[in-house]
Amino acid sequence: MLPFIYNKWIVLLLNFFFSFLLFIVFAPTSNLLHYINALFYVALAYLIVWLISFIIKGRFLDGIIHGFSRVGKRLLNDEFESEWSDERKLSTKISSRFLNLVLFQILVLLFIMSGLLFIYYM
């Protein structure tokens, strides 16, 4: 993976650039509310990615995947290893550093979005 991806400040700047690009392309009028909406769309995408990653990292799906692979192996009459190997676990593929990066992006985007909403409704 690219090394600058794990720099949270560069990713934050990329998020602001992407939300500004969404604002320019899709906003019917140029006002603060439409930029807040664009920030919300980016934050919502990060929230969905974080929730899915958190569920995977919490080893919830490891048992389900193991069970389905056991059933599949038995239906195909293949030999099945009874031990779980770490390389087959889905939870080992998500790093804690990635979860922290995504959570930081969510919190900062929501904080800035809340501040902009406060300014908008003043």
N, C-alpha and C. Protein backbone atom coordinates (compact mmCIF):
# COMPACT_ATOMS: atom_id res chain seq x y z
N MET A 1 0.83 -1.17 0.00
CA MET A 1 0.00 0.00 0.00
C MET A 1 0.88 1.24 0.00
N LEU A 2 0.36 2.31 -0.49
CA LEU A 2 1.12 3.55 -0.58
C LEU A 2 1.38 4.11 0.82
N PRO A 3 2.60 4.61 1.06
CA PRO A 3 2.92 5.06 2.43
C PRO A 3 2.18 6.31 2.86
N PHE A 4 1.78 7.18 1.91
CA PHE A 4 1.09 8.40 2.32
C PHE A 4 -0.35 8.14 2.72
N ILE A 5 -0.87 6.96 2.42
CA ILE A 5 -2.25 6.64 2.77
C ILE A 5 -2.42 6.61 4.29
N TYR A 6 -1.38 6.21 5.02
CA TYR A 6 -1.50 6.13 6.47
C TYR A 6 -1.19 7.44 7.18
N ASN A 7 -0.88 8.49 6.43
CA ASN A 7 -0.73 9.81 7.04
C ASN A 7 -2.12 10.43 7.14
N LYS A 8 -2.62 10.58 8.35
CA LYS A 8 -4.01 10.99 8.53
C LYS A 8 -4.29 12.40 8.05
N TRP A 9 -3.28 13.26 8.06
CA TRP A 9 -3.51 14.64 7.64
C TRP A 9 -3.58 14.76 6.12
N ILE A 10 -2.79 13.98 5.41
CA ILE A 10 -2.87 13.99 3.94
C ILE A 10 -4.21 13.40 3.49
N VAL A 11 -4.64 12.35 4.16
CA VAL A 11 -5.94 11.75 3.82
C VAL A 11 -7.07 12.73 4.12
N LEU A 12 -6.93 13.49 5.20
CA LEU A 12 -7.94 14.49 5.53
C LEU A 12 -8.01 15.58 4.46
N LEU A 13 -6.85 16.02 3.99
CA LEU A 13 -6.84 17.00 2.89
C LEU A 13 -7.46 16.43 1.62
N LEU A 14 -7.18 15.15 1.34
CA LEU A 14 -7.80 14.51 0.19
C LEU A 14 -9.32 14.41 0.35
N ASN A 15 -9.78 14.20 1.58
CA ASN A 15 -11.22 14.16 1.83
C ASN A 15 -11.88 15.51 1.58
N PHE A 16 -11.21 16.58 2.02
CA PHE A 16 -11.76 17.92 1.77
C PHE A 16 -11.77 18.23 0.27
N PHE A 17 -10.71 17.82 -0.42
CA PHE A 17 -10.67 18.02 -1.86
C PHE A 17 -11.78 17.23 -2.55
N PHE A 18 -11.97 15.99 -2.13
CA PHE A 18 -13.02 15.16 -2.74
C PHE A 18 -14.41 15.71 -2.44
N SER A 19 -14.64 16.18 -1.22
CA SER A 19 -15.95 16.75 -0.89
C SER A 19 -16.17 18.06 -1.65
N PHE A 20 -15.10 18.85 -1.84
CA PHE A 20 -15.22 20.07 -2.63
C PHE A 20 -15.51 19.73 -4.09
N LEU A 21 -14.90 18.67 -4.59
CA LEU A 21 -15.19 18.22 -5.96
C LEU A 21 -16.64 17.76 -6.08
N LEU A 22 -17.13 17.02 -5.10
CA LEU A 22 -18.55 16.63 -5.10
C LEU A 22 -19.45 17.86 -5.07
N PHE A 23 -19.06 18.84 -4.28
CA PHE A 23 -19.83 20.07 -4.17
C PHE A 23 -19.88 20.80 -5.51
N ILE A 24 -18.76 20.93 -6.18
CA ILE A 24 -18.70 21.65 -7.46
C ILE A 24 -19.50 20.92 -8.54
N VAL A 25 -19.39 19.61 -8.58
CA VAL A 25 -20.02 18.85 -9.66
C VAL A 25 -21.52 18.68 -9.44
N PHE A 26 -21.96 18.37 -8.23
CA PHE A 26 -23.35 17.98 -8.01
C PHE A 26 -24.24 19.01 -7.34
N ALA A 27 -23.71 20.10 -6.82
CA ALA A 27 -24.54 21.07 -6.11
C ALA A 27 -25.31 21.94 -7.11
N PRO A 28 -26.61 22.07 -6.91
CA PRO A 28 -27.39 22.92 -7.83
C PRO A 28 -27.07 24.41 -7.65
N THR A 29 -26.80 24.81 -6.43
CA THR A 29 -26.39 26.20 -6.16
C THR A 29 -25.18 26.16 -5.25
N SER A 30 -24.42 27.20 -5.28
CA SER A 30 -23.21 27.27 -4.44
C SER A 30 -23.54 27.96 -3.12
N ASN A 31 -23.88 27.17 -2.13
CA ASN A 31 -24.06 27.71 -0.78
C ASN A 31 -23.49 26.72 0.24
N LEU A 32 -23.43 27.16 1.47
CA LEU A 32 -22.77 26.39 2.51
C LEU A 32 -23.49 25.07 2.80
N LEU A 33 -24.79 25.06 2.69
CA LEU A 33 -25.55 23.85 2.99
C LEU A 33 -25.19 22.71 2.05
N HIS A 34 -24.98 22.99 0.80
CA HIS A 34 -24.62 21.94 -0.16
C HIS A 34 -23.20 21.42 0.10
N TYR A 35 -22.30 22.29 0.57
CA TYR A 35 -20.97 21.80 0.93
C TYR A 35 -21.04 20.93 2.18
N ILE A 36 -21.91 21.27 3.12
CA ILE A 36 -22.10 20.44 4.32
C ILE A 36 -22.66 19.08 3.91
N ASN A 37 -23.56 19.08 2.95
CA ASN A 37 -24.09 17.81 2.45
C ASN A 37 -23.00 16.96 1.81
N ALA A 38 -22.11 17.58 1.05
CA ALA A 38 -21.01 16.85 0.43
C ALA A 38 -20.08 16.27 1.50
N LEU A 39 -19.80 17.04 2.55
CA LEU A 39 -19.00 16.52 3.66
C LEU A 39 -19.69 15.33 4.33
N PHE A 40 -21.01 15.42 4.46
CA PHE A 40 -21.76 14.32 5.06
C PHE A 40 -21.66 13.06 4.21
N TYR A 41 -21.72 13.18 2.90
CA TYR A 41 -21.62 12.00 2.03
C TYR A 41 -20.26 11.32 2.19
N VAL A 42 -19.21 12.11 2.28
CA VAL A 42 -17.87 11.53 2.46
C VAL A 42 -17.77 10.88 3.83
N ALA A 43 -18.28 11.54 4.87
CA ALA A 43 -18.24 10.98 6.22
C ALA A 43 -19.09 9.71 6.32
N LEU A 44 -20.21 9.68 5.63
CA LEU A 44 -21.06 8.49 5.65
C LEU A 44 -20.37 7.31 4.98
N ALA A 45 -19.67 7.56 3.88
CA ALA A 45 -18.92 6.48 3.23
C ALA A 45 -17.85 5.93 4.17
N TYR A 46 -17.14 6.82 4.88
CA TYR A 46 -16.15 6.38 5.85
C TYR A 46 -16.81 5.61 7.00
N LEU A 47 -17.97 6.04 7.44
CA LEU A 47 -18.66 5.35 8.53
C LEU A 47 -19.05 3.93 8.12
N ILE A 48 -19.53 3.77 6.91
CA ILE A 48 -19.91 2.44 6.43
C ILE A 48 -18.68 1.53 6.33
N VAL A 49 -17.58 2.07 5.79
CA VAL A 49 -16.34 1.29 5.69
C VAL A 49 -15.84 0.91 7.08
N TRP A 50 -15.91 1.85 8.04
CA TRP A 50 -15.44 1.56 9.38
C TRP A 50 -16.30 0.50 10.06
N LEU A 51 -17.61 0.59 9.92
CA LEU A 51 -18.49 -0.40 10.55
C LEU A 51 -18.25 -1.80 10.00
N ILE A 52 -18.12 -1.91 8.69
CA ILE A 52 -17.87 -3.22 8.08
C ILE A 52 -16.51 -3.75 8.53
N SER A 53 -15.50 -2.89 8.54
CA SER A 53 -14.16 -3.31 8.97
C SER A 53 -14.15 -3.69 10.44
N PHE A 54 -14.88 -2.96 11.26
CA PHE A 54 -14.95 -3.26 12.69
C PHE A 54 -15.60 -4.62 12.93
N ILE A 55 -16.64 -4.93 12.18
CA ILE A 55 -17.30 -6.22 12.32
C ILE A 55 -16.38 -7.35 11.88
N ILE A 56 -15.66 -7.13 10.78
CA ILE A 56 -14.73 -8.15 10.30
C ILE A 56 -13.58 -8.32 11.29
N LYS A 57 -13.02 -7.22 11.79
CA LYS A 57 -11.90 -7.28 12.73
C LYS A 57 -12.31 -7.93 14.05
N GLY A 58 -13.56 -7.81 14.43
CA GLY A 58 -14.05 -8.41 15.66
C GLY A 58 -14.26 -9.91 15.58
N ARG A 59 -13.85 -10.53 14.50
CA ARG A 59 -13.90 -11.98 14.27
C ARG A 59 -15.31 -12.53 14.27
N PHE A 60 -16.29 -11.70 13.94
CA PHE A 60 -17.66 -12.18 13.88
C PHE A 60 -17.86 -13.10 12.68
N LEU A 61 -17.24 -12.76 11.57
CA LEU A 61 -17.46 -13.52 10.34
C LEU A 61 -16.53 -14.72 10.19
N ASP A 62 -15.52 -14.84 11.03
CA ASP A 62 -14.58 -15.96 10.92
C ASP A 62 -15.28 -17.31 11.11
N GLY A 63 -16.12 -17.40 12.12
CA GLY A 63 -16.84 -18.64 12.38
C GLY A 63 -17.84 -18.97 11.28
N ILE A 64 -18.49 -17.95 10.75
CA ILE A 64 -19.47 -18.17 9.68
C ILE A 64 -18.76 -18.66 8.42
N ILE A 65 -17.64 -18.04 8.09
CA ILE A 65 -16.89 -18.47 6.90
C ILE A 65 -16.34 -19.87 7.09
N HIS A 66 -15.86 -20.16 8.29
CA HIS A 66 -15.34 -21.51 8.57
C HIS A 66 -16.45 -22.55 8.44
N GLY A 67 -17.64 -22.23 8.95
CA GLY A 67 -18.76 -23.16 8.85
C GLY A 67 -19.18 -23.42 7.41
N PHE A 68 -19.24 -22.35 6.61
CA PHE A 68 -19.61 -22.52 5.21
C PHE A 68 -18.54 -23.31 4.44
N SER A 69 -17.28 -23.09 4.77
CA SER A 69 -16.24 -23.84 4.07
C SER A 69 -16.25 -25.31 4.47
N ARG A 70 -16.60 -25.61 5.73
CA ARG A 70 -16.74 -27.02 6.15
C ARG A 70 -17.86 -27.70 5.39
N VAL A 71 -19.00 -27.01 5.28
CA VAL A 71 -20.13 -27.60 4.55
C VAL A 71 -19.77 -27.79 3.08
N GLY A 72 -19.11 -26.81 2.50
CA GLY A 72 -18.71 -26.92 1.09
C GLY A 72 -17.75 -28.06 0.86
N LYS A 73 -16.79 -28.24 1.76
CA LYS A 73 -15.82 -29.34 1.62
C LYS A 73 -16.50 -30.70 1.78
N ARG A 74 -17.47 -30.77 2.69
CA ARG A 74 -18.17 -32.05 2.88
C ARG A 74 -19.06 -32.37 1.69
N LEU A 75 -19.66 -31.35 1.10
CA LEU A 75 -20.49 -31.60 -0.08
C LEU A 75 -19.66 -32.05 -1.27
N LEU A 76 -18.44 -31.58 -1.37
CA LEU A 76 -17.56 -31.95 -2.47
C LEU A 76 -16.72 -33.18 -2.16
N ASN A 77 -16.92 -33.76 -0.96
CA ASN A 77 -16.20 -34.95 -0.50
C ASN A 77 -14.69 -34.75 -0.52
N ASP A 78 -14.24 -33.56 -0.22
CA ASP A 78 -12.81 -33.28 -0.11
C ASP A 78 -12.38 -33.51 1.34
N GLU A 79 -11.10 -33.69 1.51
CA GLU A 79 -10.57 -33.79 2.86
C GLU A 79 -10.55 -32.40 3.47
N PHE A 80 -10.95 -32.31 4.70
CA PHE A 80 -11.06 -31.00 5.35
C PHE A 80 -10.18 -30.99 6.58
N GLU A 81 -9.36 -29.94 6.72
CA GLU A 81 -8.54 -29.82 7.91
C GLU A 81 -9.39 -29.28 9.05
N SER A 82 -9.27 -29.93 10.20
CA SER A 82 -10.10 -29.53 11.33
C SER A 82 -9.55 -28.30 12.05
N GLU A 83 -8.27 -28.01 11.86
CA GLU A 83 -7.66 -26.86 12.51
C GLU A 83 -7.91 -25.60 11.68
N TRP A 84 -8.13 -24.54 12.39
CA TRP A 84 -8.28 -23.25 11.72
C TRP A 84 -6.89 -22.71 11.45
N SER A 85 -6.63 -22.30 10.25
CA SER A 85 -5.33 -21.68 9.97
C SER A 85 -5.51 -20.17 9.95
N ASP A 86 -4.50 -19.45 10.42
CA ASP A 86 -4.58 -18.00 10.52
C ASP A 86 -4.69 -17.33 9.16
N GLU A 87 -4.13 -17.95 8.14
CA GLU A 87 -4.18 -17.29 6.84
C GLU A 87 -5.57 -17.35 6.22
N ARG A 88 -6.43 -18.21 6.72
CA ARG A 88 -7.79 -18.27 6.20
C ARG A 88 -8.74 -17.36 6.94
N LYS A 89 -8.32 -16.82 8.07
CA LYS A 89 -9.21 -15.96 8.84
C LYS A 89 -9.29 -14.58 8.19
N LEU A 90 -10.51 -14.10 8.06
CA LEU A 90 -10.74 -12.80 7.46
C LEU A 90 -10.33 -11.67 8.40
N SER A 91 -10.40 -11.91 9.70
CA SER A 91 -10.11 -10.85 10.66
C SER A 91 -8.63 -10.47 10.68
N THR A 92 -7.76 -11.33 10.17
CA THR A 92 -6.34 -10.99 10.15
C THR A 92 -5.99 -10.05 9.01
N LYS A 93 -6.88 -9.85 8.09
CA LYS A 93 -6.61 -9.00 6.93
C LYS A 93 -6.82 -7.51 7.23
N ILE A 94 -7.53 -7.16 8.30
CA ILE A 94 -7.80 -5.77 8.66
C ILE A 94 -6.84 -5.36 9.77
N SER A 95 -6.10 -4.28 9.55
CA SER A 95 -5.15 -3.84 10.57
C SER A 95 -5.80 -2.82 11.50
N SER A 96 -5.29 -2.74 12.69
CA SER A 96 -5.78 -1.76 13.67
C SER A 96 -5.43 -0.34 13.23
N ARG A 97 -4.33 -0.21 12.53
CA ARG A 97 -3.91 1.11 12.04
C ARG A 97 -4.94 1.65 11.04
N PHE A 98 -5.46 0.78 10.19
CA PHE A 98 -6.48 1.18 9.23
C PHE A 98 -7.76 1.61 9.95
N LEU A 99 -8.17 0.84 10.96
CA LEU A 99 -9.37 1.20 11.72
C LEU A 99 -9.21 2.55 12.42
N ASN A 100 -8.03 2.80 12.98
CA ASN A 100 -7.80 4.08 13.64
C ASN A 100 -7.80 5.24 12.65
N LEU A 101 -7.24 5.02 11.47
CA LEU A 101 -7.23 6.06 10.44
C LEU A 101 -8.65 6.42 10.01
N VAL A 102 -9.46 5.41 9.76
CA VAL A 102 -10.83 5.65 9.31
C VAL A 102 -11.65 6.31 10.42
N LEU A 103 -11.47 5.89 11.65
CA LEU A 103 -12.20 6.49 12.77
C LEU A 103 -11.80 7.95 12.95
N PHE A 104 -10.52 8.27 12.80
CA PHE A 104 -10.07 9.66 12.89
C PHE A 104 -10.73 10.50 11.79
N GLN A 105 -10.80 9.98 10.58
CA GLN A 105 -11.41 10.72 9.48
C GLN A 105 -12.89 10.97 9.76
N ILE A 106 -13.58 9.98 10.28
CA ILE A 106 -15.00 10.14 10.59
C ILE A 106 -15.20 11.23 11.64
N LEU A 107 -14.44 11.15 12.71
CA LEU A 107 -14.63 12.11 13.81
C LEU A 107 -14.30 13.54 13.39
N VAL A 108 -13.22 13.72 12.65
CA VAL A 108 -12.85 15.07 12.22
C VAL A 108 -13.88 15.62 11.23
N LEU A 109 -14.30 14.79 10.28
CA LEU A 109 -15.29 15.26 9.30
C LEU A 109 -16.61 15.61 9.97
N LEU A 110 -17.04 14.80 10.92
CA LEU A 110 -18.29 15.09 11.63
C LEU A 110 -18.16 16.33 12.51
N PHE A 111 -17.00 16.53 13.12
CA PHE A 111 -16.78 17.72 13.94
C PHE A 111 -16.81 18.98 13.07
N ILE A 112 -16.14 18.95 11.94
CA ILE A 112 -16.14 20.11 11.04
C ILE A 112 -17.52 20.33 10.45
N MET A 113 -18.20 19.25 10.12
CA MET A 113 -19.55 19.38 9.59
C MET A 113 -20.49 19.98 10.65
N SER A 114 -20.35 19.60 11.90
CA SER A 114 -21.17 20.17 12.97
C SER A 114 -20.88 21.65 13.16
N GLY A 115 -19.60 22.02 13.09
CA GLY A 115 -19.25 23.43 13.19
C GLY A 115 -19.81 24.25 12.03
N LEU A 116 -19.76 23.70 10.83
CA LEU A 116 -20.34 24.41 9.69
C LEU A 116 -21.86 24.51 9.79
N LEU A 117 -22.50 23.47 10.32
CA LEU A 117 -23.95 23.54 10.54
C LEU A 117 -24.30 24.61 11.57
N PHE A 118 -23.48 24.73 12.61
CA PHE A 118 -23.69 25.76 13.61
C PHE A 118 -23.56 27.15 12.98
N ILE A 119 -22.56 27.33 12.14
CA ILE A 119 -22.38 28.63 11.44
C ILE A 119 -23.55 28.88 10.50
N TYR A 120 -24.02 27.85 9.81
CA TYR A 120 -25.09 28.01 8.83
C TYR A 120 -26.40 28.44 9.51
N TYR A 121 -26.70 27.89 10.66
CA TYR A 121 -27.97 28.19 11.32
C TYR A 121 -27.89 29.37 12.28
N MET A 122 -26.77 30.07 12.35
CA MET A 122 -26.67 31.26 13.19
C MET A 122 -27.35 32.43 12.51
